[in-house]
C-alpha atoms as a PDB file:
ATOM      1  CA  MET A   1     129.994  95.953 113.932  1.00  0.00           C
ATOM      2  CA  SER A   2     131.342  95.904 117.477  1.00  0.00           C
ATOM      3  CA  VAL A   3     131.844  99.066 119.448  1.00  0.00           C
ATOM      4  CA  SER A   4     135.605  98.642 119.221  1.00  0.00           C
ATOM      5  CA  ASP A   5     135.374  99.043 115.402  1.00  0.00           C
ATOM      6  CA  ARG A   6     133.610 102.381 115.673  1.00  0.00           C
ATOM      7  CA  LEU A   7     135.080 105.802 116.022  1.00  0.00           C
ATOM      8  CA  PRO A   8     134.138 107.387 119.329  1.00  0.00           C
ATOM      9  CA  ASP A   9     131.206 109.772 119.324  1.00  0.00           C
ATOM     10  CA  TYR A  10     133.130 111.974 121.725  1.00  0.00           C
ATOM     11  CA  PRO A  11     136.926 111.775 121.098  1.00  0.00           C
ATOM     12  CA  VAL A  12     139.368 112.365 123.920  1.00  0.00           C
ATOM     13  CA  ASN A  13     140.303 115.792 122.562  1.00  0.00           C
ATOM     14  CA  SER A  14     136.695 116.980 122.179  1.00  0.00           C
ATOM     15  CA  ASP A  15     135.344 119.845 124.267  1.00  0.00           C
ATOM     16  CA  PHE A  16     132.769 117.506 125.831  1.00  0.00           C
ATOM     17  CA  VAL A  17     135.374 115.010 127.062  1.00  0.00           C
ATOM     18  CA  LYS A  18     137.568 117.809 128.377  1.00  0.00           C
ATOM     19  CA  LYS A  19     134.628 119.144 130.382  1.00  0.00           C
ATOM     20  CA  LEU A  20     133.717 115.617 131.502  1.00  0.00           C
ATOM     21  CA  LYS A  21     137.229 114.846 132.736  1.00  0.00           C
ATOM     22  CA  ALA A  22     137.431 118.212 134.488  1.00  0.00           C
ATOM     23  CA  ALA A  23     134.219 117.352 136.336  1.00  0.00           C
ATOM     24  CA  LEU A  24     135.611 113.910 137.211  1.00  0.00           C
ATOM     25  CA  GLU A  25     138.875 115.338 138.499  1.00  0.00           C
ATOM     26  CA  GLY A  26     136.982 117.924 140.535  1.00  0.00           C
ATOM     27  CA  ARG A  27     134.572 115.285 141.907  1.00  0.00           C
ATOM     28  CA  ASP A  28     131.732 117.555 140.773  1.00  0.00           C
ATOM     29  CA  GLU A  29     128.858 115.068 140.538  1.00  0.00           C
ATOM     30  CA  ALA A  30     126.258 117.729 139.752  1.00  0.00           C
ATOM     31  CA  ARG A  31     128.295 119.004 136.803  1.00  0.00           C
ATOM     32  CA  LEU A  32     128.967 115.431 135.650  1.00  0.00           C
ATOM     33  CA  LYS A  33     125.263 114.637 135.727  1.00  0.00           C
ATOM     34  CA  ASP A  34     124.350 117.795 133.791  1.00  0.00           C
ATOM     35  CA  LEU A  35     126.972 117.115 131.118  1.00  0.00           C
ATOM     36  CA  ILE A  36     125.953 113.522 130.452  1.00  0.00           C
ATOM     37  CA  CYS A  37     122.216 114.035 130.633  1.00  0.00           C
ATOM     38  CA  ALA A  38     122.226 117.222 128.555  1.00  0.00           C
ATOM     39  CA  ASP A  39     124.980 116.639 125.979  1.00  0.00           C
ATOM     40  CA  VAL A  40     125.077 112.880 125.230  1.00  0.00           C
ATOM     41  CA  ARG A  41     122.936 112.400 122.122  1.00  0.00           C
ATOM     42  CA  HIS A  42     122.083 108.685 122.387  1.00  0.00           C
ATOM     43  CA  VAL A  43     122.258 105.961 124.990  1.00  0.00           C
ATOM     44  CA  ASP A  44     124.903 103.818 123.296  1.00  0.00           C
ATOM     45  CA  ALA A  45     127.316 106.673 122.655  1.00  0.00           C
ATOM     46  CA  VAL A  46     131.040 105.880 122.837  1.00  0.00           C
ATOM     47  CA  ILE A  47     133.017 108.313 124.990  1.00  0.00           C
ATOM     48  CA  GLU A  48     136.800 108.190 124.613  1.00  0.00           C
ATOM     49  CA  LEU A  49     138.382 108.994 127.972  1.00  0.00           C
ATOM     50  CA  ALA A  50     141.914 107.814 127.095  1.00  0.00           C
ATOM     51  CA  ASN A  51     143.585 106.735 123.871  1.00  0.00           C
ATOM     52  CA  ASP A  52     145.241 103.604 125.252  1.00  0.00           C
ATOM     53  CA  ASP A  53     142.205 101.834 126.682  1.00  0.00           C
ATOM     54  CA  TRP A  54     139.015 103.692 126.101  1.00  0.00           C
ATOM     55  CA  MET A  55     136.011 101.411 126.211  1.00  0.00           C
ATOM     56  CA  LYS A  56     136.866  97.687 126.097  1.00  0.00           C
ATOM     57  CA  ASP A  57     134.019  96.683 123.770  1.00  0.00           C
ATOM     58  CA  PRO A  58     130.854  96.901 125.856  1.00  0.00           C
ATOM     59  CA  SER A  59     127.972  95.014 124.286  1.00  0.00           C
ATOM     60  CA  ALA A  60     125.061  96.688 126.057  1.00  0.00           C
ATOM     61  CA  GLN A  61     123.702 100.218 125.934  1.00  0.00           C
ATOM     62  CA  LEU A  62     125.038 102.617 128.523  1.00  0.00           C
ATOM     63  CA  PRO A  63     122.443 105.272 129.337  1.00  0.00           C
ATOM     64  CA  PRO A  64     123.425 108.416 131.223  1.00  0.00           C
ATOM     65  CA  GLY A  65     121.417 107.210 134.210  1.00  0.00           C
ATOM     66  CA  VAL A  66     123.883 104.379 134.749  1.00  0.00           C
ATOM     67  CA  LEU A  67     126.810 106.738 135.050  1.00  0.00           C
ATOM     68  CA  VAL A  68     125.176 109.167 137.432  1.00  0.00           C
ATOM     69  CA  GLY A  69     123.002 106.771 139.459  1.00  0.00           C
ATOM     70  CA  ASP A  70     120.024 109.076 138.979  1.00  0.00           C
ATOM     71  CA  LEU A  71     116.722 107.381 139.802  1.00  0.00           C
ATOM     72  CA  GLU A  72     114.751 109.970 137.827  1.00  0.00           C
ATOM     73  CA  HIS A  73     116.557 108.967 134.617  1.00  0.00           C
ATOM     74  CA  LEU A  74     117.307 105.368 135.538  1.00  0.00           C
ATOM     75  CA  LYS A  75     113.841 103.993 136.325  1.00  0.00           C
ATOM     76  CA  PRO A  76     112.160 104.997 133.016  1.00  0.00           C
ATOM     77  CA  LEU A  77     115.125 103.549 131.103  1.00  0.00           C
ATOM     78  CA  MET A  78     114.788 100.234 132.917  1.00  0.00           C
ATOM     79  CA  ASP A  79     111.041 100.156 132.298  1.00  0.00           C
ATOM     80  CA  LYS A  80     111.503 100.896 128.586  1.00  0.00           C
ATOM     81  CA  PHE A  81     114.697  99.159 127.512  1.00  0.00           C
ATOM     82  CA  PHE A  82     116.045  96.652 130.028  1.00  0.00           C
ATOM     83  CA  GLN A  83     114.897  93.119 130.675  1.00  0.00           C
ATOM     84  CA  ASP A  84     117.856  92.035 132.811  1.00  0.00           C
ATOM     85  CA  ALA A  85     118.960  94.052 135.830  1.00  0.00           C
ATOM     86  CA  ASN A  86     121.864  91.676 136.487  1.00  0.00           C
ATOM     87  CA  VAL A  87     124.336  92.561 133.743  1.00  0.00           C
ATOM     88  CA  VAL A  88     127.584  93.409 135.487  1.00  0.00           C
ATOM     89  CA  PHE A  89     129.744  96.305 134.357  1.00  0.00           C
ATOM     90  CA  GLU A  90     133.219  96.904 135.655  1.00  0.00           C
ATOM     91  CA  ILE A  91     134.042 100.446 136.704  1.00  0.00           C
ATOM     92  CA  LYS A  92     137.627 101.586 136.449  1.00  0.00           C
ATOM     93  CA  LYS A  93     137.821 103.954 139.353  1.00  0.00           C
ATOM     94  CA  ASP A  94     139.861 106.765 137.799  1.00  0.00           C
ATOM     95  CA  GLU A  95     138.264 107.044 134.382  1.00  0.00           C
ATOM     96  CA  MET A  96     134.799 105.502 134.562  1.00  0.00           C
ATOM     97  CA  VAL A  97     135.566 102.791 132.028  1.00  0.00           C
ATOM     98  CA  TRP A  98     132.790 100.226 131.850  1.00  0.00           C
ATOM     99  CA  GLN A  99     132.815  96.646 130.648  1.00  0.00           C
ATOM    100  CA  VAL A 100     130.025  94.115 130.422  1.00  0.00           C
ATOM    101  CA  LYS A 101     130.987  91.006 132.411  1.00  0.00           C
ATOM    102  CA  SER A 102     128.079  88.673 131.513  1.00  0.00           C
ATOM    103  CA  PRO A 103     126.357  87.785 128.220  1.00  0.00           C
ATOM    104  CA  ALA A 104     122.899  88.978 129.265  1.00  0.00           C
ATOM    105  CA  THR A 105     120.623  90.998 126.975  1.00  0.00           C
ATOM    106  CA  PHE A 106     120.196  94.683 127.637  1.00  0.00           C
ATOM    107  CA  GLY A 107     120.958  95.730 131.161  1.00  0.00           C
ATOM    108  CA  LEU A 108     123.029  97.807 133.484  1.00  0.00           C
ATOM    109  CA  SER A 109     125.550  97.426 136.198  1.00  0.00           C
ATOM    110  CA  GLY A 110     123.008  96.688 138.840  1.00  0.00           C
ATOM    111  CA  LEU A 111     123.856  96.774 142.491  1.00  0.00           C
ATOM    112  CA  TRP A 112     127.654  97.029 142.297  1.00  0.00           C
ATOM    113  CA  THR A 113     127.567 100.392 140.489  1.00  0.00           C
ATOM    114  CA  LEU A 114     124.947 101.858 142.741  1.00  0.00           C
ATOM    115  CA  GLU A 115     126.687 100.649 145.879  1.00  0.00           C
ATOM    116  CA  TYR A 116     129.842 102.273 144.577  1.00  0.00           C
ATOM    117  CA  LYS A 117     127.797 105.494 144.578  1.00  0.00           C
ATOM    118  CA  ARG A 118     125.743 104.381 147.616  1.00  0.00           C
ATOM    119  CA  GLU A 119     122.404 105.239 145.991  1.00  0.00           C
ATOM    120  CA  LEU A 120     119.719 103.619 148.151  1.00  0.00           C
ATOM    121  CA  THR A 121     116.706 104.577 146.017  1.00  0.00           C
ATOM    122  CA  CYS A 122     118.323 103.298 142.829  1.00  0.00           C
ATOM    123  CA  ALA A 123     119.191 100.001 144.538  1.00  0.00           C
ATOM    124  CA  GLN A 124     115.544  99.684 145.533  1.00  0.00           C
ATOM    125  CA  ALA A 125     114.494 100.226 141.907  1.00  0.00           C
ATOM    126  CA  LEU A 126     116.944  97.588 140.673  1.00  0.00           C
ATOM    127  CA  LEU A 127     115.724  95.073 143.231  1.00  0.00           C
ATOM    128  CA  GLU A 128     112.152  95.699 142.118  1.00  0.00           C
ATOM    129  CA  HIS A 129     113.277  94.853 138.571  1.00  0.00           C
ATOM    130  CA  GLY A 130     114.751  91.526 139.646  1.00  0.00           C
ATOM    131  CA  ALA A 131     118.393  92.370 140.297  1.00  0.00           C
ATOM    132  CA  SER A 132     120.107  89.465 142.063  1.00  0.00           C
ATOM    133  CA  VAL A 133     121.477  90.089 145.546  1.00  0.00           C
ATOM    134  CA  GLN A 134     123.730  87.041 145.193  1.00  0.00           C
ATOM    135  CA  LEU A 135     125.320  87.619 141.787  1.00  0.00           C
ATOM    136  CA  GLU A 136     129.113  87.671 142.108  1.00  0.00           C
ATOM    137  CA  GLY A 137     131.036  90.362 140.285  1.00  0.00           C
ATOM    138  CA  GLY A 138     134.603  90.338 138.973  1.00  0.00           C
ATOM    139  CA  THR A 139     137.515  88.128 139.911  1.00  0.00           C
ATOM    140  CA  SER A 140     137.138  88.939 143.621  1.00  0.00           C
ATOM    141  CA  ARG A 141     133.732  87.172 143.734  1.00  0.00           C
ATOM    142  CA  ASP A 142     132.281  90.057 145.712  1.00  0.00           C
ATOM    143  CA  THR A 143     128.519  90.073 146.093  1.00  0.00           C
ATOM    144  CA  PRO A 144     126.571  93.333 146.410  1.00  0.00           C
ATOM    145  CA  LEU A 145     126.581  92.853 150.193  1.00  0.00           C
ATOM    146  CA  HIS A 146     130.399  92.608 150.234  1.00  0.00           C
ATOM    147  CA  VAL A 147     130.624  95.899 148.372  1.00  0.00           C
ATOM    148  CA  ALA A 148     128.006  97.591 150.552  1.00  0.00           C
ATOM    149  CA  ALA A 149     129.673  96.365 153.758  1.00  0.00           C
ATOM    150  CA  ALA A 150     133.065  97.638 152.601  1.00  0.00           C
ATOM    151  CA  ALA A 151     131.552 101.018 151.706  1.00  0.00           C
ATOM    152  CA  CYS A 152     129.775 101.142 155.061  1.00  0.00           C
ATOM    153  CA  GLY A 153     132.999 100.402 156.890  1.00  0.00           C
ATOM    154  CA  ALA A 154     134.963 103.024 154.972  1.00  0.00           C
ATOM    155  CA  ALA A 155     132.321 105.776 155.296  1.00  0.00           C
ATOM    156  CA  LEU A 156     133.774 108.771 157.117  1.00  0.00           C
ATOM    157  CA  ARG A 157     130.698 110.894 157.789  1.00  0.00           C
ATOM    158  CA  PRO A 158     127.873 109.677 160.079  1.00  0.00           C
ATOM    159  CA  ASP A 159     125.198 110.406 157.456  1.00  0.00           C
ATOM    160  CA  GLU A 160     127.146 108.488 154.825  1.00  0.00           C
ATOM    161  CA  HIS A 161     127.561 105.549 157.187  1.00  0.00           C
ATOM    162  CA  ALA A 162     123.843 105.595 158.003  1.00  0.00           C
ATOM    163  CA  ARG A 163     122.932 105.464 154.287  1.00  0.00           C
ATOM    164  CA  CYS A 164     125.270 102.561 153.716  1.00  0.00           C
ATOM    165  CA  LEU A 165     123.843 100.732 156.727  1.00  0.00           C
ATOM    166  CA  ARG A 166     120.339 101.166 155.301  1.00  0.00           C
ATOM    167  CA  LEU A 167     121.586  99.775 152.000  1.00  0.00           C
ATOM    168  CA  CYS A 168     122.969  96.673 153.739  1.00  0.00           C
ATOM    169  CA  THR A 169     119.638  96.265 155.534  1.00  0.00           C
ATOM    170  CA  LEU A 170     117.801  96.517 152.208  1.00  0.00           C
ATOM    171  CA  LEU A 171     119.961  93.799 150.645  1.00  0.00           C
ATOM    172  CA  LEU A 172     119.535  91.480 153.621  1.00  0.00           C
ATOM    173  CA  ARG A 173     115.772  91.953 153.545  1.00  0.00           C
ATOM    174  CA  HIS A 174     115.813  90.927 149.889  1.00  0.00           C
ATOM    175  CA  GLY A 175     117.582  87.686 150.713  1.00  0.00           C
ATOM    176  CA  ALA A 176     121.297  88.491 150.535  1.00  0.00           C
ATOM    177  CA  ALA A 177     123.299  85.773 152.313  1.00  0.00           C
ATOM    178  CA  ALA A 178     125.057  87.357 155.290  1.00  0.00           C
ATOM    179  CA  ASP A 179     127.768  84.693 155.338  1.00  0.00           C
ATOM    180  CA  THR A 180     128.721  84.571 151.656  1.00  0.00           C
ATOM    181  CA  ARG A 181     132.485  84.509 150.904  1.00  0.00           C
ATOM    182  CA  ASP A 182     134.715  86.265 148.378  1.00  0.00           C
ATOM    183  CA  GLU A 183     137.833  84.875 146.694  1.00  0.00           C
ATOM    184  CA  ASP A 184     139.797  85.239 149.956  1.00  0.00           C
ATOM    185  CA  GLU A 185     137.028  83.479 151.924  1.00  0.00           C
ATOM    186  CA  ARG A 186     136.180  86.759 153.625  1.00  0.00           C
ATOM    187  CA  SER A 187     132.567  87.371 154.540  1.00  0.00           C
ATOM    188  CA  PRO A 188     130.856  90.778 154.733  1.00  0.00           C
ATOM    189  CA  LEU A 189     131.401  90.456 158.492  1.00  0.00           C
ATOM    190  CA  HIS A 190     135.171  90.400 157.920  1.00  0.00           C
ATOM    191  CA  LYS A 191     134.847  93.655 155.989  1.00  0.00           C
ATOM    192  CA  ALA A 192     132.677  95.234 158.679  1.00  0.00           C
ATOM    193  CA  CYS A 193     135.090  94.194 161.429  1.00  0.00           C
ATOM    194  CA  GLY A 194     138.078  95.452 159.476  1.00  0.00           C
ATOM    195  CA  HIS A 195     136.699  98.925 160.188  1.00  0.00           C
ATOM    196  CA  ALA A 196     135.339  98.063 163.674  1.00  0.00           C
ATOM    197  CA  ARG A 197     131.735  98.985 162.827  1.00  0.00           C
ATOM    198  CA  PRO A 198     129.555  97.593 165.646  1.00  0.00           C
ATOM    199  CA  GLY A 199     126.193  98.498 164.073  1.00  0.00           C
ATOM    200  CA  LEU A 200     127.010  96.738 160.828  1.00  0.00           C
ATOM    201  CA  ALA A 201     128.534  93.752 162.649  1.00  0.00           C
ATOM    202  CA  ARG A 202     125.379  93.415 164.762  1.00  0.00           C
ATOM    203  CA  LEU A 203     123.168  93.610 161.665  1.00  0.00           C
ATOM    204  CA  LEU A 204     125.123  90.879 159.877  1.00  0.00           C
ATOM    205  CA  LEU A 205     125.290  88.638 162.945  1.00  0.00           C
ATOM    206  CA  LEU A 206     121.535  88.926 163.469  1.00  0.00           C
ATOM    207  CA  HIS A 207     121.063  87.774 159.863  1.00  0.00           C
ATOM    208  CA  GLY A 208     123.192  84.667 160.302  1.00  0.00           C
ATOM    209  CA  ALA A 209     126.801  85.733 159.726  1.00  0.00           C
ATOM    210  CA  ASP A 210     129.251  83.319 161.344  1.00  0.00           C
ATOM    211  CA  ALA A 211     131.376  84.966 164.039  1.00  0.00           C
ATOM    212  CA  ARG A 212     133.766  81.984 163.859  1.00  0.00           C
ATOM    213  CA  ALA A 213     134.468  82.254 160.116  1.00  0.00           C
ATOM    214  CA  LEU A 214     138.103  82.144 158.997  1.00  0.00           C
ATOM    215  CA  ASP A 215     139.469  83.617 155.782  1.00  0.00           C
ATOM    216  CA  TYR A 216     142.240  82.026 153.696  1.00  0.00           C
ATOM    217  CA  GLY A 217     144.823  83.638 155.960  1.00  0.00           C
ATOM    218  CA  GLY A 218     143.232  82.110 159.062  1.00  0.00           C
ATOM    219  CA  ALA A 219     141.926  85.453 160.334  1.00  0.00           C
ATOM    220  CA  SER A 220     138.584  85.598 162.123  1.00  0.00           C
ATOM    221  CA  PRO A 221     136.334  88.672 162.297  1.00  0.00           C
ATOM    222  CA  LEU A 222     137.609  89.175 165.876  1.00  0.00           C
ATOM    223  CA  ALA A 223     141.190  89.221 164.623  1.00  0.00           C
ATOM    224  CA  ARG A 224     140.211  91.856 162.048  1.00  0.00           C
ATOM    225  CA  VAL A 225     138.817  94.116 164.785  1.00  0.00           C
ATOM    226  CA  LEU A 226     141.880  93.731 166.966  1.00  0.00           C
ATOM    227  CA  GLN A 227     144.184  94.550 164.054  1.00  0.00           C
ATOM    228  CA  THR A 228     142.569  97.954 163.555  1.00  0.00           C
ATOM    229  CA  ALA A 229     141.198  98.857 167.011  1.00  0.00           C
ATOM    230  CA  ALA A 230     144.026 101.219 167.934  1.00  0.00           C
ATOM    231  CA  CYS A 231     143.652 103.088 164.632  1.00  0.00           C
ATOM    232  CA  ALA A 232     140.045 104.099 165.286  1.00  0.00           C
ATOM    233  CA  PRO A 233     139.318 104.215 169.040  1.00  0.00           C
ATOM    234  CA  GLU A 234     136.582 106.795 168.403  1.00  0.00           C
ATOM    235  CA  GLY A 235     134.640 104.026 166.617  1.00  0.00           C
ATOM    236  CA  GLU A 236     134.334 102.189 169.952  1.00  0.00           C
ATOM    237  CA  PRO A 237     135.869  98.915 168.751  1.00  0.00           C
ATOM    238  CA  GLN A 238     135.085  97.282 172.091  1.00  0.00           C
ATOM    239  CA  LEU A 239     131.436  97.220 171.020  1.00  0.00           C
ATOM    240  CA  THR A 240     132.322  95.166 167.954  1.00  0.00           C
ATOM    241  CA  VAL A 241     134.431  92.831 170.111  1.00  0.00           C
ATOM    242  CA  GLN A 242     131.447  92.422 172.448  1.00  0.00           C
ATOM    243  CA  GLU A 243     129.082  91.654 169.568  1.00  0.00           C
ATOM    244  CA  LEU A 244     131.391  88.947 168.240  1.00  0.00           C
ATOM    245  CA  LEU A 245     132.038  87.311 171.609  1.00  0.00           C
ATOM    246  CA  ASN A 246     128.328  87.382 172.447  1.00  0.00           C
ATOM    247  CA  HIS A 247     127.596  85.632 169.135  1.00  0.00           C
ATOM    248  CA  GLY A 248     129.991  82.761 169.758  1.00  0.00           C
ATOM    249  CA  SER A 249     133.326  84.005 168.454  1.00  0.00           C
ATOM    250  CA  PRO A 250     136.269  82.107 169.994  1.00  0.00           C
ATOM    251  CA  THR A 251     138.506  84.378 172.006  1.00  0.00           C
ATOM    252  CA  VAL A 252     142.194  84.895 171.257  1.00  0.00           C
ATOM    253  CA  TRP A 253     144.597  82.041 171.944  1.00  0.00           C
ATOM    254  CA  PRO A 254     146.023  82.782 175.437  1.00  0.00           C
ATOM    255  CA  ASP A 255     149.642  82.818 174.271  1.00  0.00           C
ATOM    256  CA  ALA A 256     148.732  85.541 171.757  1.00  0.00           C
ATOM    257  CA  PHE A 257     147.209  87.851 174.364  1.00  0.00           C
ATOM    258  CA  PRO A 258     150.451  89.827 174.948  1.00  0.00           C
ATOM    259  CA  LYS A 259     150.506  90.680 171.220  1.00  0.00           C
ATOM    260  CA  VAL A 260     146.949  91.967 171.453  1.00  0.00           C
ATOM    261  CA  LEU A 261     147.896  93.945 174.562  1.00  0.00           C
ATOM    262  CA  LYS A 262     150.777  95.525 172.678  1.00  0.00           C
ATOM    263  CA  SER A 263     148.679  96.560 169.678  1.00  0.00           C
ATOM    264  CA  CYS A 264     145.540  97.615 171.596  1.00  0.00           C
ATOM    265  CA  ALA A 265     147.043  99.060 174.783  1.00  0.00           C
ATOM    266  CA  ALA A 266     145.735 102.524 173.925  1.00  0.00           C
ATOM    267  CA  VAL A 267     142.157 101.155 173.894  1.00  0.00           C
ATOM    268  CA  PRO A 268     141.850  99.534 177.352  1.00  0.00           C
ATOM    269  CA  THR A 269     138.122  98.854 176.907  1.00  0.00           C
ATOM    270  CA  VAL A 270     139.045  96.365 174.164  1.00  0.00           C
ATOM    271  CA  ILE A 271     141.583  94.716 176.478  1.00  0.00           C
ATOM    272  CA  GLU A 272     138.993  94.554 179.277  1.00  0.00           C
ATOM    273  CA  VAL A 273     136.274  92.934 177.157  1.00  0.00           C
ATOM    274  CA  LEU A 274     138.716  90.412 175.728  1.00  0.00           C
ATOM    275  CA  PHE A 275     140.334  89.616 179.077  1.00  0.00           C
ATOM    276  CA  ASN A 276     136.924  88.974 180.625  1.00  0.00           C
ATOM    277  CA  SER A 277     136.144  86.391 177.953  1.00  0.00           C
ATOM    278  CA  TYR A 278     138.637  84.027 179.659  1.00  0.00           C
ATOM    279  CA  SER A 279     137.617  82.269 182.846  1.00  0.00           C
ATOM    280  CA  GLN A 280     141.229  82.508 184.016  1.00  0.00           C
ATOM    281  CA  LEU A 281     144.231  83.974 182.221  1.00  0.00           C
ATOM    282  CA  ARG A 282     147.561  84.133 183.968  1.00  0.00           C
ATOM    283  CA  VAL A 283     148.816  87.718 184.098  1.00  0.00           C
ATOM    284  CA  SER A 284     152.556  88.228 183.725  1.00  0.00           C
ATOM    285  CA  GLU A 285     154.477  91.207 185.070  1.00  0.00           C
ATOM    286  CA  SER A 286     156.449  91.118 181.819  1.00  0.00           C
ATOM    287  CA  TRP A 287     153.345  92.400 180.003  1.00  0.00           C
ATOM    288  CA  LYS A 288     154.168  95.856 181.377  1.00  0.00           C
ATOM    289  CA  ASP A 289     157.038  96.022 178.906  1.00  0.00           C
ATOM    290  CA  VAL A 290     154.703  96.058 175.886  1.00  0.00           C
ATOM    291  CA  ILE A 291     152.587  98.967 177.195  1.00  0.00           C
ATOM    292  CA  PRO A 292     153.998 102.432 176.415  1.00  0.00           C
ATOM    293  CA  GLU A 293     154.638 104.386 179.607  1.00  0.00           C
ATOM    294  CA  GLU A 294     152.406 107.289 178.600  1.00  0.00           C
ATOM    295  CA  VAL A 295     149.538 104.878 177.839  1.00  0.00           C
ATOM    296  CA  PHE A 296     150.015 103.151 181.199  1.00  0.00           C
ATOM    297  CA  GLN A 297     149.887 106.477 183.024  1.00  0.00           C
ATOM    298  CA  MET A 298     146.842 107.656 181.070  1.00  0.00           C
ATOM    299  CA  HIS A 299     144.903 104.488 181.964  1.00  0.00           C
ATOM    300  CA  GLN A 300     146.525 103.750 185.301  1.00  0.00           C
ATOM    301  CA  ALA A 301     143.320 102.658 187.068  1.00  0.00           C
ATOM    302  CA  PHE A 302     142.632  99.950 184.526  1.00  0.00           C
ATOM    303  CA  TYR A 303     146.195  98.669 184.128  1.00  0.00           C
ATOM    304  CA  GLY A 304     146.694  98.778 187.898  1.00  0.00           C
ATOM    305  CA  SER A 305     143.694  96.452 188.268  1.00  0.00           C
ATOM    306  CA  LEU A 306     145.027  94.181 185.509  1.00  0.00           C
ATOM    307  CA  PHE A 307     148.431  93.653 187.087  1.00  0.00           C
ATOM    308  CA  ALA A 308     146.887  93.291 190.547  1.00  0.00           C
ATOM    309  CA  LEU A 309     145.584  89.958 189.217  1.00  0.00           C
ATOM    310  CA  ALA A 310     149.122  88.681 188.549  1.00  0.00           C
ATOM    311  CA  HIS A 311     149.076  86.559 191.714  1.00  0.00           C
ATOM    312  CA  THR A 312     145.342  86.411 192.439  1.00  0.00           C
ATOM    313  CA  PRO A 313     142.580  84.235 190.982  1.00  0.00           C
ATOM    314  CA  ARG A 314     139.527  85.869 189.426  1.00  0.00           C
ATOM    315  CA  CYS A 315     136.583  86.563 191.703  1.00  0.00           C
ATOM    316  CA  LEU A 316     133.695  84.108 192.093  1.00  0.00           C
ATOM    317  CA  GLN A 317     131.298  86.487 190.311  1.00  0.00           C
ATOM    318  CA  HIS A 318     133.467  86.427 187.204  1.00  0.00           C
ATOM    319  CA  LEU A 319     133.744  82.634 187.282  1.00  0.00           C
ATOM    320  CA  CYS A 320     129.937  82.392 187.509  1.00  0.00           C
ATOM    321  CA  ARG A 321     129.697  84.737 184.505  1.00  0.00           C
ATOM    322  CA  CYS A 322     131.962  82.488 182.481  1.00  0.00           C
ATOM    323  CA  ALA A 323     129.968  79.382 183.436  1.00  0.00           C
ATOM    324  CA  ILE A 324     126.687  81.006 182.360  1.00  0.00           C
ATOM    325  CA  ARG A 325     128.177  82.280 179.109  1.00  0.00           C
ATOM    326  CA  LYS A 326     129.566  78.831 178.330  1.00  0.00           C
ATOM    327  CA  SER A 327     126.140  77.301 178.934  1.00  0.00           C
ATOM    328  CA  LEU A 328     124.403  79.821 176.632  1.00  0.00           C
ATOM    329  CA  GLY A 329     127.067  79.552 173.935  1.00  0.00           C
ATOM    330  CA  ARG A 330     126.418  81.414 170.682  1.00  0.00           C
ATOM    331  CA  LYS A 331     123.037  82.651 171.925  1.00  0.00           C
ATOM    332  CA  CYS A 332     124.312  84.864 174.741  1.00  0.00           C
ATOM    333  CA  PHE A 333     123.147  87.958 172.852  1.00  0.00           C
ATOM    334  CA  SER A 334     119.532  86.739 172.709  1.00  0.00           C
ATOM    335  CA  LEU A 335     119.170  84.645 175.874  1.00  0.00           C
ATOM    336  CA  VAL A 336     120.866  86.856 178.471  1.00  0.00           C
ATOM    337  CA  PRO A 337     118.201  89.614 178.122  1.00  0.00           C
ATOM    338  CA  LEU A 338     115.548  86.951 178.909  1.00  0.00           C
ATOM    339  CA  LEU A 339     117.101  86.013 182.250  1.00  0.00           C
ATOM    340  CA  PRO A 340     115.241  87.320 185.353  1.00  0.00           C
ATOM    341  CA  LEU A 341     118.150  89.528 186.375  1.00  0.00           C
ATOM    342  CA  PRO A 342     118.655  93.271 186.874  1.00  0.00           C
ATOM    343  CA  GLU A 343     119.889  95.098 183.784  1.00  0.00           C
ATOM    344  CA  SER A 344     123.249  95.742 185.442  1.00  0.00           C
ATOM    345  CA  LEU A 345     123.848  91.986 185.826  1.00  0.00           C
ATOM    346  CA  GLN A 346     122.693  91.312 182.266  1.00  0.00           C
ATOM    347  CA  ASN A 347     125.226  93.866 181.039  1.00  0.00           C
ATOM    348  CA  TYR A 348     127.869  92.190 183.187  1.00  0.00           C
ATOM    349  CA  LEU A 349     127.106  88.840 181.542  1.00  0.00           C
ATOM    350  CA  LEU A 350     127.369  90.486 178.120  1.00  0.00           C
ATOM    351  CA  LEU A 351     130.883  91.745 178.966  1.00  0.00           C
ATOM    352  CA  GLU A 352     129.995  95.418 179.307  1.00  0.00           C
ATOM    353  CA  PRO A 353     133.257  97.130 180.327  1.00  0.00           C
ATOM    354  CA  GLU A 354     133.441  98.729 183.785  1.00  0.00           C
ATOM    355  CA  GLY A 355     136.843 100.396 183.590  1.00  0.00           C
ATOM    356  CA  VAL A 356     138.598  98.031 186.016  1.00  0.00           C
ATOM    357  CA  LEU A 357     139.052  94.282 186.476  1.00  0.00           C
ATOM    358  CA  HIS A 358     138.108  92.199 189.522  1.00  0.00           C
END
C-alpha cells in the first residue's frame, strides 16, 4: 500500500500538527526539533500539514533527523538504515512537504536539504556516506554547489556567510565542478556574482570557474556584479569586479559603459576598476548627465579626474599596465605576484583602485 492510501498518523487538526505549524510559523528550530524527535513515533510517519496537498507519496522513510538536520540523530540513522545518500527530496518552503525525486532505495535528501539549512557537519557526514556532489536536483538542474553558492550570496550575517563559504569549500574539495551549469546555463559563479561576494567568487575562480561564461540571457558573471553593485556597496563589489577581470573576464563593451556609469555611479570604485580595464576609452562630457548631482558632489575628486580625461590620452604608465595584463591574460591573478616588482606596482597591475584616474 502506498503512503497516499494511508490515513495520516498526525492529521492536520491534531494537537501535534498544530504545535508543529506554530513552531514553523515562528521559525523556532529548537521547538521544531524537540517536537519531531520526541513525539514522532516511527520514522515513516505521515504528517498532514495541509488537506489539499499533504505528502505527495514519498517512497522512502523520513526520519526526524532529515527534517531538523541534526547530526546527532542523522548519522546513526544513516549507519543503520540508509545505503544511498543520494535520494533527492523536494522541500516545499512554506510547509516542509517532501517528495522523493529518484528511485533509489532507502535514503535522504542529501546535500540539497542540508544546504538549505546550511549544516556543515551534516554535509560532511553525507559526503562520507557517498553523497554525490554532482547530482542535479529538480527541474532547475541545480547541483549542491549551486544551492550552497546561492545561500552564501544571500547570507546576511557575517557568521552565516562564513559557514556557507566553508560549505562551498567542502564541496569543492570533494570534487564538485566549479563551472557546472543549471537550466539557465548559470554557473555557481553567476550566483556568487549576483550578490557581489568577492570571497566566494575568488574561491570558485581558483577551482576553475570560467569568468567568461554566459548564461542563456547572454549575461556574464561581470554583468551580474554590475547589475547589483549599487544595491550593496558595503559588500565592496569592486573586489568582485577585480577578481573577474584578473581571471580573464572580458570587460564591458565600450558603447555600454555609459549605462554602467548610470547604474553604478554611487560606487565610483567599481567605475574606476572597470575604466582601468580599457587601454583607452573615450570620455564624453555627456556622461555627466547620467550621474546624479548629489553623487557627483559626494565623489567630486574621482569624477573630476574622470572628466579631465575627456580630451587627454591615458598616461604611459597605464598603457604599460594594459600591455602587461594583455600578455598575462587569464593568469594575471597568479603571475603578477611573481613579478620582481614592489607590492604597490603589483597592486596597480591588478587594478587596485586609487580613488582618482590618471
